[in-house]
Amino acid sequence: MARHRRTDATRYRPQTNLIRGGLARSGFDETSEALYMTSGYVYATPEEAEAAFKGENEHFVYGRYGNPTVAMFEERLRLLEGAEMCRATASGMAAVFASILCQVKAGDRVVSSRALFGSIQYIIAEMLPRYGIRTELVDGRDLAAWKAALADGAACVFLESPSNPTLEIIDIPAVAELAHAAGANLIVDNVFASPLLQQPLALGADIVVYSATKHIDGQGRTLGGAILSSRKFHDDHLQALLRHTGPSLSPFNAWVLLKGLETLDLRIARHSANAAELARFLEDLPGVRRVYYPTLDSHPQADLARRQMSGGGGIVAIELDGGKARAFRALTALELIDISNNLGDSKSLITHPATTTHQRLPSEERAKLGISDDLLRLSVGLEDVEDLKEDLARAIGKG
């Protein structure tokens, strides 16, 4: 006979909940989480179906609304983040778009930091204005700029910290205070830090978004995203948009992401240790003009990074001497590190933001963001750090 036992998440620490949080075994008592590949559900009676559609019972209704495997992933990530609600989406960009659009309408204002991933910049600066939503981009490091931009009120504030790709650090508690005074909800894209190195909700944010494609999967296998918030925000704003527009995470992807969460703590620790050591090494490497890493003493916001984050994360950005040609020669000379625009992978990956992730931005805008033609963004993987040092030293030397 099947024996069912649910984990009491309140009894355990985060590392335990990364393994067992949200676990809901079926009648077969499987060890690994079950993969429920279904688009629909059946009911014993029409009364049960009616109650399900009214939200009066916990019966699943339709794959677009929810799925047992997806629900396990949502619950596990919710426990890790310390949020009241978590909703999974098909990608990180689906999470970003839904978290903003669900709460704004024509005539509202959205204020955002200027340093953003290219697709997010497109949504905020170009797409939202098409719907009559006013937007303003500010230097996220400048609290006076935030204060001025929010003086006329706003519906929503958005920021990345650390930012992509130059790792700007924004004072989340200070911006949260300004946003709330202006009547706005604060959304933080926490993808570079991961939920293990920074907890934006505890710092005053209202909503946190992730591309689970990055560190949460961590092995380049699948797409996914997540939105974490209060129950009130979910019920009043987010739920209806997700139900009726359908950016649903597939059960298979949710299952892969559940497996990723099991090793997230181990991987983030290694990513961060490797990246910190590599950043220090690169600071002294001939041909490297500048290194960006949050906890380096040379980072202009290192003190703020240390207050907000428990580690520097796995991303390092470097500027080389010699412009685009030098950067391209160095990339071509790499033997171990792969050229790829993804990040958070177990494999070390490197990209040239000016021609990839941020290529659609005008050169003047890239200049404002510090995205020069010789800037490279390195996602440091889990390899032996000495091999990574040798590969970079050889490639930059050849460049």
Protein backbone atom coordinates (compact mmCIF):
# COMPACT_ATOMS: atom_id res chain seq x y z
CA MET A 1 0.00 0.00 0.00
CA ALA A 2 1.27 3.46 -0.83
CA ARG A 3 2.57 5.51 2.07
CA HIS A 4 2.41 9.28 1.75
CA ARG A 5 4.59 11.61 3.80
CA ARG A 6 5.01 15.33 3.21
CA THR A 7 8.11 17.15 4.38
CA ASP A 8 7.45 19.80 7.05
CA ALA A 9 9.56 22.55 5.50
CA THR A 10 9.37 24.71 8.61
CA ARG A 11 11.56 22.21 10.48
CA TYR A 12 14.49 22.29 8.10
CA ARG A 13 17.28 24.57 6.92
CA PRO A 14 17.62 25.88 3.34
CA GLN A 15 20.06 23.19 2.15
CA THR A 16 17.63 20.47 3.24
CA ASN A 17 14.68 22.17 1.58
CA LEU A 18 16.70 22.40 -1.65
CA ILE A 19 16.55 18.59 -1.67
CA ARG A 20 13.15 17.90 -0.15
CA GLY A 21 11.11 21.11 -0.24
CA GLY A 22 7.78 20.74 -2.02
CA LEU A 23 8.17 16.99 -2.48
CA ALA A 24 4.77 15.39 -3.16
CA ARG A 25 5.08 11.67 -3.84
CA SER A 26 2.43 9.79 -5.74
CA GLY A 27 0.87 6.50 -4.69
CA PHE A 28 3.88 4.71 -6.17
CA ASP A 29 6.25 6.12 -3.50
CA GLU A 30 8.90 7.12 -6.01
CA THR A 31 12.27 8.39 -4.73
CA SER A 32 12.73 11.05 -7.40
CA GLU A 33 10.01 13.61 -8.03
CA ALA A 34 7.39 12.33 -10.45
CA LEU A 35 7.12 13.81 -13.93
CA TYR A 36 3.45 14.43 -14.70
CA MET A 37 3.12 14.89 -18.45
CA THR A 38 -0.53 15.86 -18.78
CA SER A 39 -2.44 18.79 -20.18
CA GLY A 40 -5.69 18.11 -18.36
CA TYR A 41 -7.28 16.45 -15.33
CA VAL A 42 -10.43 14.45 -14.63
CA TYR A 43 -13.04 14.77 -11.90
CA ALA A 44 -15.06 12.19 -10.02
CA THR A 45 -18.23 14.30 -10.22
CA PRO A 46 -19.44 17.48 -11.90
CA GLU A 47 -19.66 19.04 -8.45
CA GLU A 48 -15.93 18.44 -7.97
CA ALA A 49 -15.22 20.08 -11.33
CA GLU A 50 -17.38 23.07 -10.41
CA ALA A 51 -15.58 23.48 -7.10
CA ALA A 52 -12.19 23.25 -8.84
CA PHE A 53 -13.05 26.01 -11.29
CA LYS A 54 -14.31 28.19 -8.43
CA GLY A 55 -11.05 27.61 -6.54
CA GLU A 56 -12.86 25.93 -3.67
CA ASN A 57 -10.67 22.81 -3.65
CA GLU A 58 -7.05 21.97 -4.49
CA HIS A 59 -7.81 19.95 -7.62
CA PHE A 60 -5.71 20.83 -10.67
CA VAL A 61 -7.79 22.25 -13.50
CA TYR A 62 -5.68 22.56 -16.64
CA GLY A 63 -2.00 22.41 -17.58
CA ARG A 64 -1.91 26.12 -18.31
CA TYR A 65 -3.08 26.83 -14.76
CA GLY A 66 -0.93 24.33 -12.89
CA ASN A 67 0.73 20.93 -12.84
CA PRO A 68 1.97 18.72 -9.97
CA THR A 69 5.60 18.71 -11.14
CA VAL A 70 5.58 22.45 -11.75
CA ALA A 71 3.96 22.97 -8.34
CA MET A 72 6.80 21.06 -6.66
CA PHE A 73 9.37 23.32 -8.34
CA GLU A 74 7.42 26.43 -7.34
CA GLU A 75 7.16 25.34 -3.72
CA ARG A 76 10.84 24.43 -3.45
CA LEU A 77 11.95 27.78 -4.85
CA ARG A 78 9.39 29.61 -2.69
CA LEU A 79 10.86 28.06 0.44
CA LEU A 80 14.38 29.01 -0.60
CA GLU A 81 13.42 32.62 -1.35
CA GLY A 82 11.20 33.05 1.71
CA ALA A 83 8.29 34.26 -0.42
CA GLU A 84 4.57 33.73 0.07
CA MET A 85 4.05 32.74 -3.56
CA CYS A 86 6.11 31.47 -6.49
CA ARG A 87 4.89 31.04 -10.05
CA ALA A 88 6.99 29.38 -12.72
CA THR A 89 7.11 30.57 -16.33
CA ALA A 90 8.43 29.25 -19.62
CA SER A 91 11.52 31.50 -19.55
CA GLY A 92 13.16 34.27 -17.59
CA MET A 93 11.91 36.87 -20.05
CA ALA A 94 8.35 35.58 -19.63
CA ALA A 95 8.80 36.14 -15.88
CA VAL A 96 10.07 39.68 -16.38
CA PHE A 97 7.32 40.64 -18.82
CA ALA A 98 4.51 39.13 -16.74
CA SER A 99 5.74 40.68 -13.49
CA ILE A 100 5.63 44.15 -15.03
CA LEU A 101 2.63 43.97 -17.34
CA CYS A 102 0.29 42.40 -14.78
CA GLN A 103 0.37 45.56 -12.64
CA VAL A 104 0.49 48.48 -15.10
CA LYS A 105 -1.92 50.12 -17.53
CA ALA A 106 -1.92 52.99 -20.01
CA GLY A 107 -0.93 56.21 -18.30
CA ASP A 108 1.15 54.54 -15.58
CA ARG A 109 4.89 55.14 -15.13
CA VAL A 110 7.64 52.54 -14.86
CA VAL A 111 11.04 53.64 -13.58
CA SER A 112 14.01 51.34 -14.11
CA SER A 113 17.74 51.21 -13.76
CA ARG A 114 19.51 51.82 -17.07
CA ALA A 115 21.90 48.86 -16.79
CA LEU A 116 19.74 45.98 -18.01
CA PHE A 117 19.94 42.81 -20.05
CA GLY A 118 19.24 43.72 -23.68
CA SER A 119 15.81 42.07 -23.92
CA ILE A 120 14.65 43.69 -20.68
CA GLN A 121 15.81 47.07 -21.94
CA TYR A 122 13.72 46.48 -25.08
CA ILE A 123 10.59 45.68 -23.05
CA ILE A 124 10.89 48.71 -20.80
CA ALA A 125 12.23 51.34 -23.21
CA GLU A 126 10.46 50.31 -26.43
CA MET A 127 7.58 47.90 -25.87
CA LEU A 128 5.80 49.37 -22.84
CA PRO A 129 5.47 52.86 -24.40
CA ARG A 130 3.48 51.28 -27.26
CA TYR A 131 0.76 50.53 -24.68
CA GLY A 132 0.74 54.07 -23.34
CA ILE A 133 2.95 53.25 -20.36
CA ARG A 134 5.53 55.94 -19.64
CA THR A 135 9.01 54.74 -18.79
CA GLU A 136 12.18 56.33 -17.48
CA LEU A 137 15.67 54.87 -17.19
CA VAL A 138 18.07 56.12 -14.52
CA ASP A 139 21.60 55.43 -13.35
CA GLY A 140 20.80 52.79 -10.77
CA ARG A 141 23.83 53.64 -8.65
CA ASP A 142 22.65 57.24 -8.16
CA LEU A 143 20.04 57.53 -5.39
CA ALA A 144 19.46 61.18 -6.29
CA ALA A 145 18.48 60.08 -9.80
CA TRP A 146 16.01 57.57 -8.37
CA LYS A 147 14.55 60.20 -6.07
CA ALA A 148 14.09 62.68 -8.92
CA ALA A 149 12.55 60.09 -11.24
CA LEU A 150 10.11 58.92 -8.56
CA ALA A 151 9.07 62.40 -7.44
CA ASP A 152 6.02 62.24 -9.72
CA GLY A 153 5.03 58.75 -8.59
CA ALA A 154 5.21 55.41 -10.38
CA ALA A 155 3.36 52.12 -10.56
CA CYS A 156 6.41 49.93 -10.84
CA VAL A 157 10.17 50.09 -10.34
CA PHE A 158 12.55 47.57 -11.90
CA LEU A 159 16.24 46.90 -11.37
CA GLU A 160 19.02 44.36 -11.81
CA SER A 161 21.69 44.02 -9.15
CA PRO A 162 24.34 42.96 -9.97
CA SER A 163 23.64 44.24 -13.47
CA ASN A 164 24.34 42.59 -16.80
CA PRO A 165 27.13 42.80 -17.92
CA THR A 166 29.18 45.31 -15.90
CA LEU A 167 28.05 44.15 -12.45
CA GLU A 168 26.75 47.47 -11.14
CA ILE A 169 25.42 47.13 -7.59
CA ILE A 170 22.25 48.99 -6.61
CA ASP A 171 21.27 49.83 -3.03
CA ILE A 172 18.12 47.72 -2.89
CA PRO A 173 16.82 48.86 0.54
CA ALA A 174 17.24 52.53 -0.40
CA VAL A 175 15.51 52.14 -3.76
CA ALA A 176 12.75 50.08 -2.14
CA GLU A 177 12.08 52.90 0.31
CA LEU A 178 11.90 55.45 -2.50
CA ALA A 179 9.70 53.18 -4.63
CA HIS A 180 7.22 52.57 -1.82
CA ALA A 181 7.04 56.28 -1.03
CA ALA A 182 6.14 56.83 -4.70
CA GLY A 183 3.40 54.18 -4.57
CA ALA A 184 5.35 51.66 -6.63
CA ASN A 185 6.15 47.98 -6.32
CA LEU A 186 9.85 47.13 -6.65
CA ILE A 187 10.86 44.23 -8.92
CA VAL A 188 14.42 42.89 -8.61
CA ASP A 189 16.00 40.66 -11.24
CA ASN A 190 18.23 38.54 -9.00
CA VAL A 191 19.62 36.21 -11.63
CA PHE A 192 23.32 37.07 -11.24
CA ALA A 193 23.27 36.69 -7.45
CA SER A 194 20.93 33.68 -7.28
CA PRO A 195 18.64 33.19 -4.27
CA LEU A 196 21.60 31.84 -2.27
CA LEU A 197 23.76 34.98 -2.39
CA GLN A 198 21.11 37.71 -2.16
CA GLN A 199 17.54 37.81 -0.82
CA PRO A 200 15.83 40.88 -2.33
CA LEU A 201 12.54 40.35 -0.48
CA ALA A 202 14.37 40.62 2.83
CA LEU A 203 16.00 43.82 1.53
CA GLY A 204 12.64 45.45 0.79
CA ALA A 205 11.74 44.32 -2.73
CA ASP A 206 8.16 43.30 -3.51
CA ILE A 207 8.77 40.93 -6.42
CA VAL A 208 11.80 38.86 -7.45
CA VAL A 209 12.26 37.39 -10.91
CA TYR A 210 14.63 34.72 -12.18
CA SER A 211 15.75 33.17 -15.36
CA ALA A 212 15.86 29.61 -14.01
CA THR A 213 17.66 28.78 -17.24
CA LYS A 214 20.80 30.13 -15.59
CA HIS A 215 22.09 28.95 -12.19
CA ILE A 216 18.95 27.08 -11.14
CA ASP A 217 19.29 24.64 -14.02
CA GLY A 218 23.01 25.31 -14.17
CA GLN A 219 23.84 22.79 -16.87
CA GLY A 220 22.57 24.36 -20.07
CA ARG A 221 19.66 21.97 -20.49
CA THR A 222 16.40 23.85 -20.38
CA LEU A 223 14.54 27.15 -20.24
CA GLY A 224 12.51 28.36 -17.30
CA GLY A 225 11.63 31.39 -15.21
CA ALA A 226 10.05 32.28 -11.89
CA ILE A 227 8.23 35.14 -10.18
CA LEU A 228 8.19 35.36 -6.36
CA SER A 229 5.93 37.73 -4.48
CA SER A 230 3.38 38.18 -1.74
CA ARG A 231 0.14 36.26 -1.99
CA LYS A 232 -1.76 39.54 -2.37
CA PHE A 233 0.29 40.60 -5.40
CA HIS A 234 -0.19 37.17 -6.92
CA ASP A 235 -3.94 37.07 -6.32
CA ASP A 236 -4.64 40.70 -7.26
CA HIS A 237 -2.39 41.03 -10.30
CA LEU A 238 -0.29 38.10 -11.45
CA GLN A 239 -2.58 35.09 -11.43
CA ALA A 240 -5.05 36.33 -14.02
CA LEU A 241 -2.36 37.34 -16.50
CA LEU A 242 -0.59 33.98 -16.24
CA ARG A 243 -3.82 32.03 -16.59
CA HIS A 244 -5.13 33.88 -19.60
CA THR A 245 -1.91 34.50 -21.54
CA GLY A 246 -0.28 31.12 -20.93
CA PRO A 247 3.51 31.54 -20.45
CA SER A 248 3.48 28.12 -18.78
CA LEU A 249 6.53 26.12 -17.75
CA SER A 250 6.44 22.59 -19.17
CA PRO A 251 6.38 19.72 -16.65
CA PHE A 252 9.57 18.26 -18.10
CA ASN A 253 11.44 21.55 -17.71
CA ALA A 254 10.11 21.86 -14.15
CA TRP A 255 11.44 18.39 -13.37
CA VAL A 256 14.88 19.30 -14.73
CA LEU A 257 14.86 22.49 -12.64
CA LEU A 258 13.90 20.52 -9.52
CA LYS A 259 17.00 18.41 -10.07
CA GLY A 260 19.02 21.61 -10.54
CA LEU A 261 17.87 23.02 -7.20
CA GLU A 262 19.20 19.92 -5.43
CA THR A 263 22.79 20.90 -6.24
CA LEU A 264 22.40 24.69 -6.36
CA ASP A 265 24.09 25.28 -3.00
CA LEU A 266 27.16 23.25 -3.96
CA ARG A 267 27.43 24.80 -7.41
CA ILE A 268 27.00 28.42 -6.31
CA ALA A 269 29.74 28.01 -3.71
CA ARG A 270 32.14 26.66 -6.38
CA HIS A 271 31.12 29.25 -8.99
CA SER A 272 31.75 32.05 -6.50
CA ALA A 273 35.06 30.69 -5.23
CA ASN A 274 36.36 30.15 -8.77
CA ALA A 275 35.16 33.57 -9.95
CA ALA A 276 36.67 35.44 -7.01
CA GLU A 277 40.05 33.76 -7.47
CA LEU A 278 39.95 34.29 -11.23
CA ALA A 279 39.02 37.98 -10.82
CA ARG A 280 42.04 38.55 -8.57
CA PHE A 281 44.26 36.72 -11.06
CA LEU A 282 42.98 38.77 -14.00
CA GLU A 283 43.63 42.07 -12.22
CA ASP A 284 47.36 41.36 -12.48
CA LEU A 285 47.33 39.84 -15.98
CA PRO A 286 49.07 41.88 -18.71
CA GLY A 287 46.63 43.00 -21.39
CA VAL A 288 43.68 43.31 -18.97
CA ARG A 289 42.80 46.96 -18.40
CA ARG A 290 39.99 46.49 -15.87
CA VAL A 291 38.20 43.73 -13.99
CA TYR A 292 34.60 43.97 -12.75
CA TYR A 293 33.64 41.71 -9.82
CA PRO A 294 31.36 42.75 -6.95
CA THR A 295 33.59 41.91 -4.00
CA LEU A 296 36.94 43.04 -5.44
CA ASP A 297 38.36 45.98 -3.54
CA SER A 298 38.68 47.77 -6.90
CA HIS A 299 34.91 47.61 -7.50
CA PRO A 300 33.48 51.06 -6.70
CA GLN A 301 30.55 49.52 -4.81
CA ALA A 302 32.39 46.67 -3.11
CA ASP A 303 31.20 47.72 0.37
CA LEU A 304 27.57 47.78 -0.78
CA ALA A 305 28.00 44.40 -2.48
CA ARG A 306 29.36 42.90 0.72
CA ARG A 307 26.40 44.28 2.70
CA GLN A 308 23.76 42.94 0.32
CA MET A 309 25.37 39.73 -0.90
CA SER A 310 26.94 36.79 0.91
CA GLY A 311 29.30 36.19 -2.03
CA GLY A 312 30.34 37.76 -5.32
CA GLY A 313 28.72 35.22 -7.62
CA GLY A 314 30.04 33.51 -10.72
CA ILE A 315 30.21 36.36 -13.24
CA VAL A 316 33.34 38.39 -14.03
CA ALA A 317 33.63 41.12 -16.66
CA ILE A 318 36.96 42.28 -18.08
CA GLU A 319 38.14 45.03 -20.38
CA LEU A 320 41.15 44.31 -22.57
CA ASP A 321 43.58 46.73 -24.17
CA GLY A 322 43.12 47.01 -27.92
CA GLY A 323 39.41 47.32 -28.75
CA LYS A 324 37.13 44.88 -30.52
CA ALA A 325 39.89 43.30 -32.61
CA ARG A 326 41.88 42.41 -29.51
CA ALA A 327 38.79 41.05 -27.77
CA PHE A 328 37.90 38.88 -30.76
CA ARG A 329 41.46 37.52 -31.06
CA ALA A 330 41.40 36.56 -27.39
CA LEU A 331 38.04 34.83 -27.76
CA THR A 332 39.25 32.89 -30.78
CA ALA A 333 42.39 31.78 -28.94
CA LEU A 334 40.49 30.22 -26.03
CA GLU A 335 40.72 26.44 -25.91
CA LEU A 336 38.80 25.49 -22.77
CA ILE A 337 36.29 28.29 -22.23
CA ASP A 338 33.40 28.29 -24.71
CA ILE A 339 32.05 31.34 -26.54
CA SER A 340 28.37 31.50 -25.58
CA ASN A 341 25.85 34.13 -24.47
CA ASN A 342 24.41 31.87 -21.75
CA LEU A 343 25.58 32.03 -18.14
CA GLY A 344 25.35 30.18 -14.85
CA ASP A 345 26.43 26.93 -16.51
CA SER A 346 28.74 24.29 -15.05
CA LYS A 347 30.94 25.00 -18.08
CA SER A 348 32.77 28.34 -18.24
CA LEU A 349 31.28 30.56 -20.95
CA ILE A 350 32.37 33.91 -22.35
CA THR A 351 30.69 36.46 -24.59
CA HIS A 352 31.29 39.86 -26.19
CA PRO A 353 28.25 41.87 -25.00
CA ALA A 354 28.60 44.72 -27.53
CA THR A 355 28.00 42.30 -30.41
CA THR A 356 25.71 39.76 -28.70
CA THR A 357 23.49 40.39 -25.66
CA HIS A 358 23.54 44.20 -26.05
CA GLN A 359 24.22 44.55 -29.77
CA ARG A 360 20.88 46.18 -30.57
CA LEU A 361 21.58 49.14 -28.27
CA PRO A 362 22.91 52.29 -29.98
CA SER A 363 26.63 52.81 -29.44
CA GLU A 364 25.92 55.93 -27.34
CA GLU A 365 23.73 53.91 -24.97
CA ARG A 366 26.33 51.16 -24.71
CA ALA A 367 28.90 53.82 -23.85
CA LYS A 368 26.68 55.09 -21.00
CA LEU A 369 26.52 51.56 -19.66
CA GLY A 370 30.26 50.97 -19.91
CA ILE A 371 29.84 48.29 -22.56
CA SER A 372 32.97 48.99 -24.57
CA ASP A 373 34.12 47.12 -27.67
CA ASP A 374 36.80 45.38 -25.61
CA LEU A 375 34.51 44.26 -22.75
CA LEU A 376 34.07 40.52 -22.22
CA ARG A 377 31.60 38.87 -19.82
CA LEU A 378 32.83 35.61 -18.33
CA SER A 379 30.51 33.13 -16.62
CA VAL A 380 32.90 31.11 -14.47
CA GLY A 381 32.10 27.42 -14.33
CA LEU A 382 33.03 24.49 -12.14
CA GLU A 383 36.29 23.49 -13.80
CA ASP A 384 39.62 23.54 -11.98
CA VAL A 385 40.40 27.22 -11.58
CA GLU A 386 44.05 26.69 -12.49
CA ASP A 387 43.01 25.40 -15.92
CA LEU A 388 40.82 28.47 -16.38
CA LYS A 389 43.71 30.76 -15.45
CA GLU A 390 46.00 29.06 -17.95
CA ASP A 391 43.41 29.24 -20.72
CA LEU A 392 42.74 32.94 -20.19
CA ALA A 393 46.41 33.86 -19.81
CA ARG A 394 47.29 32.05 -23.01
CA ALA A 395 44.37 33.50 -24.99
CA ILE A 396 44.82 37.08 -23.79
CA GLY A 397 48.54 36.81 -24.39
CA LYS A 398 47.93 35.68 -27.96
CA GLY A 399 45.33 38.39 -28.47
